[in-house]
PDB file of N, CA and C in Angstrom:
ATOM      1  N   MET A   1      -6.585  10.456  20.643  1.00  0.00           N
ATOM      2  CA  MET A   1      -6.307  10.149  19.247  1.00  0.00           C
ATOM      3  C   MET A   1      -4.896   9.581  19.125  1.00  0.00           C
ATOM      4  N   LYS A   2      -4.767   8.510  18.350  1.00  0.00           N
ATOM      5  CA  LYS A   2      -3.437   7.937  18.124  1.00  0.00           C
ATOM      6  C   LYS A   2      -2.574   8.954  17.410  1.00  0.00           C
ATOM      7  N   GLU A   3      -1.292   8.836  17.602  1.00  0.00           N
ATOM      8  CA  GLU A   3      -0.380   9.719  16.885  1.00  0.00           C
ATOM      9  C   GLU A   3      -0.429   9.385  15.400  1.00  0.00           C
ATOM     10  N   LEU A   4      -0.399  10.422  14.571  1.00  0.00           N
ATOM     11  CA  LEU A   4      -0.455  10.221  13.132  1.00  0.00           C
ATOM     12  C   LEU A   4       0.711   9.370  12.643  1.00  0.00           C
ATOM     13  N   GLN A   5       1.867   9.546  13.243  1.00  0.00           N
ATOM     14  CA  GLN A   5       3.042   8.774  12.833  1.00  0.00           C
ATOM     15  C   GLN A   5       2.794   7.272  13.008  1.00  0.00           C
ATOM     16  N   THR A   6       2.165   6.893  14.112  1.00  0.00           N
ATOM     17  CA  THR A   6       1.854   5.491  14.369  1.00  0.00           C
ATOM     18  C   THR A   6       0.852   4.981  13.341  1.00  0.00           C
ATOM     19  N   MET A   7      -0.140   5.795  13.028  1.00  0.00           N
ATOM     20  CA  MET A   7      -1.147   5.404  12.041  1.00  0.00           C
ATOM     21  C   MET A   7      -0.515   5.243  10.656  1.00  0.00           C
ATOM     22  N   GLU A   8       0.398   6.135  10.328  1.00  0.00           N
ATOM     23  CA  GLU A   8       1.077   6.032   9.042  1.00  0.00           C
ATOM     24  C   GLU A   8       1.885   4.735   8.967  1.00  0.00           C
ATOM     25  N   GLN A   9       2.541   4.376  10.052  1.00  0.00           N
ATOM     26  CA  GLN A   9       3.306   3.128  10.096  1.00  0.00           C
ATOM     27  C   GLN A   9       2.379   1.932   9.917  1.00  0.00           C
ATOM     28  N   GLN A  10       1.241   1.954  10.576  1.00  0.00           N
ATOM     29  CA  GLN A  10       0.278   0.861  10.438  1.00  0.00           C
ATOM     30  C   GLN A  10      -0.241   0.764   9.003  1.00  0.00           C
ATOM     31  N   ALA A  11      -0.506   1.901   8.385  1.00  0.00           N
ATOM     32  CA  ALA A  11      -0.981   1.908   6.998  1.00  0.00           C
ATOM     33  C   ALA A  11       0.093   1.356   6.062  1.00  0.00           C
ATOM     34  N   ARG A  12       1.355   1.718   6.312  1.00  0.00           N
ATOM     35  CA  ARG A  12       2.447   1.182   5.487  1.00  0.00           C
ATOM     36  C   ARG A  12       2.524  -0.337   5.634  1.00  0.00           C
ATOM     37  N   GLU A  13       2.388  -0.825   6.845  1.00  0.00           N
ATOM     38  CA  GLU A  13       2.464  -2.269   7.077  1.00  0.00           C
ATOM     39  C   GLU A  13       1.308  -2.998   6.388  1.00  0.00           C
ATOM     40  N   LYS A  14       0.118  -2.419   6.430  1.00  0.00           N
ATOM     41  CA  LYS A  14      -1.036  -3.052   5.789  1.00  0.00           C
ATOM     42  C   LYS A  14      -0.935  -3.006   4.265  1.00  0.00           C
ATOM     43  N   THR A  15      -0.141  -2.092   3.740  1.00  0.00           N
ATOM     44  CA  THR A  15       0.047  -1.976   2.295  1.00  0.00           C
ATOM     45  C   THR A  15       0.942  -3.083   1.751  1.00  0.00           C
ATOM     46  N   LEU A  16       1.704  -3.719   2.612  1.00  0.00           N
ATOM     47  CA  LEU A  16       2.632  -4.757   2.163  1.00  0.00           C
ATOM     48  C   LEU A  16       1.923  -5.936   1.499  1.00  0.00           C
ATOM     49  N   GLN A  17       0.777  -6.349   2.023  1.00  0.00           N
ATOM     50  CA  GLN A  17       0.088  -7.513   1.440  1.00  0.00           C
ATOM     51  C   GLN A  17      -0.425  -7.228   0.028  1.00  0.00           C
ATOM     52  N   PRO A  18      -1.114  -6.106  -0.206  1.00  0.00           N
ATOM     53  CA  PRO A  18      -1.522  -5.825  -1.589  1.00  0.00           C
ATOM     54  C   PRO A  18      -0.323  -5.682  -2.533  1.00  0.00           C
ATOM     55  N   LEU A  19       0.760  -5.115  -2.040  1.00  0.00           N
ATOM     56  CA  LEU A  19       1.971  -4.997  -2.851  1.00  0.00           C
ATOM     57  C   LEU A  19       2.521  -6.384  -3.185  1.00  0.00           C
ATOM     58  N   ALA A  20       2.593  -7.252  -2.187  1.00  0.00           N
ATOM     59  CA  ALA A  20       3.081  -8.622  -2.408  1.00  0.00           C
ATOM     60  C   ALA A  20       2.186  -9.356  -3.399  1.00  0.00           C
ATOM     61  N   ASP A  21       0.878  -9.201  -3.280  1.00  0.00           N
ATOM     62  CA  ASP A  21      -0.047  -9.849  -4.203  1.00  0.00           C
ATOM     63  C   ASP A  21       0.198  -9.384  -5.639  1.00  0.00           C
ATOM     64  N   TYR A  22       0.452  -8.101  -5.803  1.00  0.00           N
ATOM     65  CA  TYR A  22       0.717  -7.554  -7.135  1.00  0.00           C
ATOM     66  C   TYR A  22       2.015  -8.112  -7.709  1.00  0.00           C
ATOM     67  N   VAL A  23       3.052  -8.156  -6.897  1.00  0.00           N
ATOM     68  CA  VAL A  23       4.354  -8.668  -7.362  1.00  0.00           C
ATOM     69  C   VAL A  23       4.237 -10.153  -7.721  1.00  0.00           C
ATOM     70  N   VAL A  24       3.510 -10.919  -6.943  1.00  0.00           N
ATOM     71  CA  VAL A  24       3.319 -12.342  -7.243  1.00  0.00           C
ATOM     72  C   VAL A  24       2.579 -12.495  -8.570  1.00  0.00           C
ATOM     73  N   LYS A  25       1.591 -11.632  -8.798  1.00  0.00           N
ATOM     74  CA  LYS A  25       0.826 -11.680 -10.048  1.00  0.00           C
ATOM     75  C   LYS A  25       1.728 -11.433 -11.261  1.00  0.00           C
ATOM     76  N   ILE A  26       2.657 -10.503 -11.134  1.00  0.00           N
ATOM     77  CA  ILE A  26       3.587 -10.209 -12.229  1.00  0.00           C
ATOM     78  C   ILE A  26       4.609 -11.331 -12.387  1.00  0.00           C
ATOM     79  N   GLY A  27       5.065 -11.848 -11.274  1.00  0.00           N
ATOM     80  CA  GLY A  27       6.060 -12.921 -11.300  1.00  0.00           C
ATOM     81  C   GLY A  27       7.211 -12.584 -10.374  1.00  0.00           C
ATOM     82  N   MET A  28       7.434 -13.428  -9.393  1.00  0.00           N
ATOM     83  CA  MET A  28       8.461 -13.187  -8.383  1.00  0.00           C
ATOM     84  C   MET A  28       9.870 -13.177  -8.978  1.00  0.00           C
ATOM     85  N   SER A  29      10.069 -13.897 -10.063  1.00  0.00           N
ATOM     86  CA  SER A  29      11.418 -13.970 -10.629  1.00  0.00           C
ATOM     87  C   SER A  29      11.723 -12.802 -11.571  1.00  0.00           C
ATOM     88  N   LYS A  30      10.740 -11.987 -11.849  1.00  0.00           N
ATOM     89  CA  LYS A  30      10.933 -10.850 -12.749  1.00  0.00           C
ATOM     90  C   LYS A  30      11.469  -9.666 -11.958  1.00  0.00           C
ATOM     91  N   GLY A  31      12.644  -9.209 -12.310  1.00  0.00           N
ATOM     92  CA  GLY A  31      13.247  -8.074 -11.618  1.00  0.00           C
ATOM     93  C   GLY A  31      12.526  -6.776 -11.939  1.00  0.00           C
ATOM     94  N   LEU A  32      12.580  -5.854 -11.018  1.00  0.00           N
ATOM     95  CA  LEU A  32      11.909  -4.563 -11.186  1.00  0.00           C
ATOM     96  C   LEU A  32      12.357  -3.851 -12.458  1.00  0.00           C
ATOM     97  N   GLU A  33      13.618  -4.020 -12.820  1.00  0.00           N
ATOM     98  CA  GLU A  33      14.136  -3.362 -14.033  1.00  0.00           C
ATOM     99  C   GLU A  33      13.490  -3.918 -15.307  1.00  0.00           C
ATOM    100  N   LYS A  34      12.832  -5.060 -15.194  1.00  0.00           N
ATOM    101  CA  LYS A  34      12.165  -5.670 -16.348  1.00  0.00           C
ATOM    102  C   LYS A  34      10.677  -5.367 -16.392  1.00  0.00           C
ATOM    103  N   TYR A  35      10.162  -4.643 -15.402  1.00  0.00           N
ATOM    104  CA  TYR A  35       8.746  -4.272 -15.401  1.00  0.00           C
ATOM    105  C   TYR A  35       8.483  -3.318 -16.557  1.00  0.00           C
ATOM    106  N   SER A  36       7.343  -3.499 -17.190  1.00  0.00           N
ATOM    107  CA  SER A  36       6.928  -2.563 -18.232  1.00  0.00           C
ATOM    108  C   SER A  36       6.423  -1.273 -17.561  1.00  0.00           C
ATOM    109  N   LYS A  37       6.239  -0.249 -18.363  1.00  0.00           N
ATOM    110  CA  LYS A  37       5.705   1.008 -17.827  1.00  0.00           C
ATOM    111  C   LYS A  37       4.341   0.766 -17.183  1.00  0.00           C
ATOM    112  N   THR A  38       3.518  -0.033 -17.815  1.00  0.00           N
ATOM    113  CA  THR A  38       2.188  -0.342 -17.279  1.00  0.00           C
ATOM    114  C   THR A  38       2.290  -1.064 -15.938  1.00  0.00           C
ATOM    115  N   GLU A  39       3.232  -1.995 -15.824  1.00  0.00           N
ATOM    116  CA  GLU A  39       3.411  -2.721 -14.563  1.00  0.00           C
ATOM    117  C   GLU A  39       3.911  -1.798 -13.456  1.00  0.00           C
ATOM    118  N   ILE A  40       4.814  -0.877 -13.793  1.00  0.00           N
ATOM    119  CA  ILE A  40       5.300   0.094 -12.800  1.00  0.00           C
ATOM    120  C   ILE A  40       4.153   0.995 -12.344  1.00  0.00           C
ATOM    121  N   GLU A  41       3.358   1.455 -13.301  1.00  0.00           N
ATOM    122  CA  GLU A  41       2.211   2.293 -12.949  1.00  0.00           C
ATOM    123  C   GLU A  41       1.232   1.525 -12.072  1.00  0.00           C
ATOM    124  N   GLY A  42       1.036   0.249 -12.361  1.00  0.00           N
ATOM    125  CA  GLY A  42       0.168  -0.588 -11.537  1.00  0.00           C
ATOM    126  C   GLY A  42       0.707  -0.745 -10.125  1.00  0.00           C
ATOM    127  N   LEU A  43       2.019  -0.937 -10.012  1.00  0.00           N
ATOM    128  CA  LEU A  43       2.657  -1.060  -8.707  1.00  0.00           C
ATOM    129  C   LEU A  43       2.457   0.217  -7.889  1.00  0.00           C
ATOM    130  N   ILE A  44       2.676   1.355  -8.520  1.00  0.00           N
ATOM    131  CA  ILE A  44       2.489   2.643  -7.826  1.00  0.00           C
ATOM    132  C   ILE A  44       1.037   2.805  -7.398  1.00  0.00           C
ATOM    133  N   LYS A  45       0.111   2.439  -8.272  1.00  0.00           N
ATOM    134  CA  LYS A  45      -1.307   2.567  -7.949  1.00  0.00           C
ATOM    135  C   LYS A  45      -1.691   1.670  -6.767  1.00  0.00           C
ATOM    136  N   VAL A  46      -1.217   0.433  -6.778  1.00  0.00           N
ATOM    137  CA  VAL A  46      -1.518  -0.486  -5.674  1.00  0.00           C
ATOM    138  C   VAL A  46      -1.016   0.094  -4.352  1.00  0.00           C
ATOM    139  N   VAL A  47       0.208   0.584  -4.336  1.00  0.00           N
ATOM    140  CA  VAL A  47       0.794   1.104  -3.106  1.00  0.00           C
ATOM    141  C   VAL A  47       0.056   2.365  -2.637  1.00  0.00           C
ATOM    142  N   THR A  48      -0.139   3.321  -3.534  1.00  0.00           N
ATOM    143  CA  THR A  48      -0.769   4.584  -3.104  1.00  0.00           C
ATOM    144  C   THR A  48      -2.227   4.384  -2.731  1.00  0.00           C
ATOM    145  N   ASP A  49      -2.962   3.605  -3.517  1.00  0.00           N
ATOM    146  CA  ASP A  49      -4.375   3.372  -3.194  1.00  0.00           C
ATOM    147  C   ASP A  49      -4.527   2.623  -1.876  1.00  0.00           C
ATOM    148  N   SER A  50      -3.710   1.596  -1.670  1.00  0.00           N
ATOM    149  CA  SER A  50      -3.787   0.819  -0.426  1.00  0.00           C
ATOM    150  C   SER A  50      -3.417   1.670   0.774  1.00  0.00           C
ATOM    151  N   TYR A  51      -2.363   2.450   0.650  1.00  0.00           N
ATOM    152  CA  TYR A  51      -1.929   3.302   1.756  1.00  0.00           C
ATOM    153  C   TYR A  51      -3.031   4.290   2.131  1.00  0.00           C
ATOM    154  N   LYS A  52      -3.599   4.955   1.131  1.00  0.00           N
ATOM    155  CA  LYS A  52      -4.674   5.920   1.411  1.00  0.00           C
ATOM    156  C   LYS A  52      -5.880   5.230   2.034  1.00  0.00           C
ATOM    157  N   LYS A  53      -6.244   4.068   1.507  1.00  0.00           N
ATOM    158  CA  LYS A  53      -7.398   3.331   2.029  1.00  0.00           C
ATOM    159  C   LYS A  53      -7.197   2.972   3.501  1.00  0.00           C
ATOM    160  N   TYR A  54      -6.054   2.385   3.813  1.00  0.00           N
ATOM    161  CA  TYR A  54      -5.818   1.951   5.186  1.00  0.00           C
ATOM    162  C   TYR A  54      -5.649   3.140   6.140  1.00  0.00           C
ATOM    163  N   LEU A  55      -5.018   4.198   5.691  1.00  0.00           N
ATOM    164  CA  LEU A  55      -4.872   5.368   6.549  1.00  0.00           C
ATOM    165  C   LEU A  55      -6.237   5.991   6.819  1.00  0.00           C
ATOM    166  N   ASN A  56      -7.077   6.082   5.802  1.00  0.00           N
ATOM    167  CA  ASN A  56      -8.431   6.605   6.006  1.00  0.00           C
ATOM    168  C   ASN A  56      -9.220   5.744   6.978  1.00  0.00           C
ATOM    169  N   GLU A  57      -9.083   4.424   6.861  1.00  0.00           N
ATOM    170  CA  GLU A  57      -9.768   3.522   7.797  1.00  0.00           C
ATOM    171  C   GLU A  57      -9.296   3.767   9.223  1.00  0.00           C
ATOM    172  N   LEU A  58      -8.005   3.913   9.408  1.00  0.00           N
ATOM    173  CA  LEU A  58      -7.464   4.155  10.754  1.00  0.00           C
ATOM    174  C   LEU A  58      -7.930   5.503  11.300  1.00  0.00           C
ATOM    175  N   LEU A  59      -7.965   6.513  10.461  1.00  0.00           N
ATOM    176  CA  LEU A  59      -8.397   7.838  10.909  1.00  0.00           C
ATOM    177  C   LEU A  59      -9.875   7.848  11.260  1.00  0.00           C
ATOM    178  N   GLU A  60     -10.693   7.110  10.497  1.00  0.00           N
ATOM    179  CA  GLU A  60     -12.125   7.034  10.796  1.00  0.00           C
ATOM    180  C   GLU A  60     -12.364   6.369  12.142  1.00  0.00           C
ATOM    181  N   GLU A  61     -11.553   5.378  12.474  1.00  0.00           N
ATOM    182  CA  GLU A  61     -11.711   4.670  13.747  1.00  0.00           C
ATOM    183  C   GLU A  61     -11.407   5.586  14.932  1.00  0.00           C
ATOM    184  N   ASP A  62     -10.646   6.626  14.713  1.00  0.00           N
ATOM    185  CA  ASP A  62     -10.191   7.468  15.806  1.00  0.00           C
ATOM    186  C   ASP A  62     -10.916   8.809  15.888  1.00  0.00           C
ATOM    187  N   VAL A  63     -12.022   8.938  15.149  1.00  0.00           N
ATOM    188  CA  VAL A  63     -12.796  10.169  15.204  1.00  0.00           C
ATOM    189  C   VAL A  63     -13.476  10.247  16.573  1.00  0.00           C
ATOM    190  N   PRO A  64     -13.349  11.372  17.287  1.00  0.00           N
ATOM    191  CA  PRO A  64     -13.836  11.462  18.660  1.00  0.00           C
ATOM    192  C   PRO A  64     -15.349  11.666  18.795  1.00  0.00           C
ATOM    193  N   PHE A  65     -16.080  11.659  17.708  1.00  0.00           N
ATOM    194  CA  PHE A  65     -17.541  11.857  17.821  1.00  0.00           C
ATOM    195  C   PHE A  65     -18.281  10.859  16.970  1.00  0.00           C
TER     196      PHE A  65
END
């Protein structure tokens, strides 16, 4: 089984693309301090959902049975 730390790093790296897509959708020139509460909540949701999804995928691949 891969080390969990390595899997967590891989999940973080895979989360970057959905995060980038979200930021582009809001607008690259808009600073984080100008995000509305809804946009901040959306950003958090994208990051947490993507991280959990990718980590679960990695863990499923490493099941020994």
